[in-house]
Amino acid sequence: MGKDLLTVFKVITRDVNYIKNRPLKGMLFAKLCDDMGLEYRSLLYYCEARWLSRAKVLQRVFELKKEIAIFLSDNNRDEKHLLFS
């Protein structure tokens, strides 16, 4: 994996783990997605043991990028370098 892509993936993994590792935040994110009428209500964890998981994590983050940006800004975790705007 290239250096730039690895940097982006580390930031995405940190933000996904911020939401998923805290049950309350995970439920609030699911409620946000549910209220917006989205197909998905949760993010996917990345696991190094499965080679397909990186692509699936990136795909889900891309599909939920607006909701992730809203959720992180509401929780005072603005990730300006993610280009979610």
C-alpha atoms as a PDB file:
ATOM      1  CA  MET A   1       0.000   0.000   0.000  1.00  0.00           C
ATOM      2  CA  GLY A   2       1.325   3.437  -0.883  1.00  0.00           C
ATOM      3  CA  LYS A   3       2.395   5.890   1.792  1.00  0.00           C
ATOM      4  CA  ASP A   4      -0.457   8.350   1.103  1.00  0.00           C
ATOM      5  CA  LEU A   5      -3.115   5.635   1.060  1.00  0.00           C
ATOM      6  CA  LEU A   6      -1.719   4.143   4.262  1.00  0.00           C
ATOM      7  CA  THR A   7      -1.953   7.544   5.979  1.00  0.00           C
ATOM      8  CA  VAL A   8      -5.586   7.955   4.896  1.00  0.00           C
ATOM      9  CA  PHE A   9      -6.400   4.426   5.997  1.00  0.00           C
ATOM     10  CA  LYS A  10      -4.895   5.032   9.451  1.00  0.00           C
ATOM     11  CA  VAL A  11      -7.065   8.131   9.914  1.00  0.00           C
ATOM     12  CA  ILE A  12     -10.169   6.267   8.739  1.00  0.00           C
ATOM     13  CA  THR A  13      -9.399   3.337  11.051  1.00  0.00           C
ATOM     14  CA  ARG A  14      -8.932   5.689  14.019  1.00  0.00           C
ATOM     15  CA  ASP A  15     -12.269   7.418  13.361  1.00  0.00           C
ATOM     16  CA  VAL A  16     -14.158   4.168  12.786  1.00  0.00           C
ATOM     17  CA  ASN A  17     -12.710   2.771  16.014  1.00  0.00           C
ATOM     18  CA  TYR A  18     -13.698   5.992  17.830  1.00  0.00           C
ATOM     19  CA  ILE A  19     -17.313   5.356  16.857  1.00  0.00           C
ATOM     20  CA  LYS A  20     -17.365   1.556  17.153  1.00  0.00           C
ATOM     21  CA  ASN A  21     -15.367   1.114  20.394  1.00  0.00           C
ATOM     22  CA  ARG A  22     -17.848   3.105  22.454  1.00  0.00           C
ATOM     23  CA  PRO A  23     -21.305   1.493  22.620  1.00  0.00           C
ATOM     24  CA  LEU A  24     -23.135   4.776  23.195  1.00  0.00           C
ATOM     25  CA  LYS A  25     -21.433   6.427  20.236  1.00  0.00           C
ATOM     26  CA  GLY A  26     -22.193   3.390  18.082  1.00  0.00           C
ATOM     27  CA  MET A  27     -25.876   3.570  19.017  1.00  0.00           C
ATOM     28  CA  LEU A  28     -25.987   7.320  18.382  1.00  0.00           C
ATOM     29  CA  PHE A  29     -24.365   6.855  14.975  1.00  0.00           C
ATOM     30  CA  ALA A  30     -26.869   4.092  14.127  1.00  0.00           C
ATOM     31  CA  LYS A  31     -29.724   6.387  15.178  1.00  0.00           C
ATOM     32  CA  LEU A  32     -28.337   9.190  12.992  1.00  0.00           C
ATOM     33  CA  CYS A  33     -28.166   6.851   9.992  1.00  0.00           C
ATOM     34  CA  ASP A  34     -31.631   5.486  10.733  1.00  0.00           C
ATOM     35  CA  ASP A  35     -33.109   8.986  10.999  1.00  0.00           C
ATOM     36  CA  MET A  36     -31.559   9.892   7.653  1.00  0.00           C
ATOM     37  CA  GLY A  37     -33.133   6.804   6.055  1.00  0.00           C
ATOM     38  CA  LEU A  38     -29.872   5.165   5.039  1.00  0.00           C
ATOM     39  CA  GLU A  39     -29.381   1.547   4.029  1.00  0.00           C
ATOM     40  CA  TYR A  40     -26.489   1.030   6.463  1.00  0.00           C
ATOM     41  CA  ARG A  41     -26.601   1.796  10.167  1.00  0.00           C
ATOM     42  CA  SER A  42     -23.077   0.860  11.204  1.00  0.00           C
ATOM     43  CA  LEU A  43     -19.465   0.987  10.169  1.00  0.00           C
ATOM     44  CA  LEU A  44     -17.221  -2.007   9.619  1.00  0.00           C
ATOM     45  CA  TYR A  45     -14.144  -2.823  11.674  1.00  0.00           C
ATOM     46  CA  TYR A  46     -10.877  -3.407   9.883  1.00  0.00           C
ATOM     47  CA  CYS A  47      -9.218  -6.761  10.547  1.00  0.00           C
ATOM     48  CA  GLU A  48      -5.746  -7.484   9.164  1.00  0.00           C
ATOM     49  CA  ALA A  49      -6.484 -11.199   8.991  1.00  0.00           C
ATOM     50  CA  ARG A  50      -8.893 -10.756   6.080  1.00  0.00           C
ATOM     51  CA  TRP A  51      -7.568  -9.181   2.889  1.00  0.00           C
ATOM     52  CA  LEU A  52     -11.022  -8.106   1.677  1.00  0.00           C
ATOM     53  CA  SER A  53     -11.824  -6.126   4.792  1.00  0.00           C
ATOM     54  CA  ARG A  54      -9.818  -3.026   3.778  1.00  0.00           C
ATOM     55  CA  ALA A  55     -11.862  -2.594   0.634  1.00  0.00           C
ATOM     56  CA  LYS A  56     -15.128  -3.168   2.504  1.00  0.00           C
ATOM     57  CA  VAL A  57     -14.203  -0.696   5.239  1.00  0.00           C
ATOM     58  CA  LEU A  58     -13.245   1.961   2.689  1.00  0.00           C
ATOM     59  CA  GLN A  59     -16.419   1.361   0.695  1.00  0.00           C
ATOM     60  CA  ARG A  60     -18.661   1.692   3.766  1.00  0.00           C
ATOM     61  CA  VAL A  61     -16.823   4.833   4.919  1.00  0.00           C
ATOM     62  CA  PHE A  62     -17.227   6.357   1.463  1.00  0.00           C
ATOM     63  CA  GLU A  63     -20.962   5.552   1.452  1.00  0.00           C
ATOM     64  CA  LEU A  64     -21.416   7.081   4.919  1.00  0.00           C
ATOM     65  CA  LYS A  65     -18.916   9.938   4.598  1.00  0.00           C
ATOM     66  CA  LYS A  66     -21.460  12.735   5.137  1.00  0.00           C
ATOM     67  CA  GLU A  67     -22.920  11.057   8.197  1.00  0.00           C
ATOM     68  CA  ILE A  68     -19.456  10.388   9.644  1.00  0.00           C
ATOM     69  CA  ALA A  69     -18.534  14.044   9.142  1.00  0.00           C
ATOM     70  CA  ILE A  70     -21.759  15.169  10.863  1.00  0.00           C
ATOM     71  CA  PHE A  71     -21.229  12.749  13.748  1.00  0.00           C
ATOM     72  CA  LEU A  72     -17.580  13.687  14.282  1.00  0.00           C
ATOM     73  CA  SER A  73     -18.297  17.410  14.160  1.00  0.00           C
ATOM     74  CA  ASP A  74     -21.136  16.978  16.680  1.00  0.00           C
ATOM     75  CA  ASN A  75     -18.636  15.200  18.957  1.00  0.00           C
ATOM     76  CA  ASN A  76     -15.951  17.896  18.530  1.00  0.00           C
ATOM     77  CA  ARG A  77     -13.688  15.633  16.468  1.00  0.00           C
ATOM     78  CA  ASP A  78     -13.334  17.563  13.237  1.00  0.00           C
ATOM     79  CA  GLU A  79     -11.088  15.692  10.822  1.00  0.00           C
ATOM     80  CA  LYS A  80     -10.487  18.439   8.282  1.00  0.00           C
ATOM     81  CA  HIS A  81      -7.895  16.411   6.416  1.00  0.00           C
ATOM     82  CA  LEU A  82     -10.426  13.717   5.496  1.00  0.00           C
ATOM     83  CA  LEU A  83     -12.034  15.940   2.846  1.00  0.00           C
ATOM     84  CA  PHE A  84     -15.535  14.872   3.886  1.00  0.00           C
ATOM     85  CA  SER A  85     -17.049  18.187   2.905  1.00  0.00           C
END
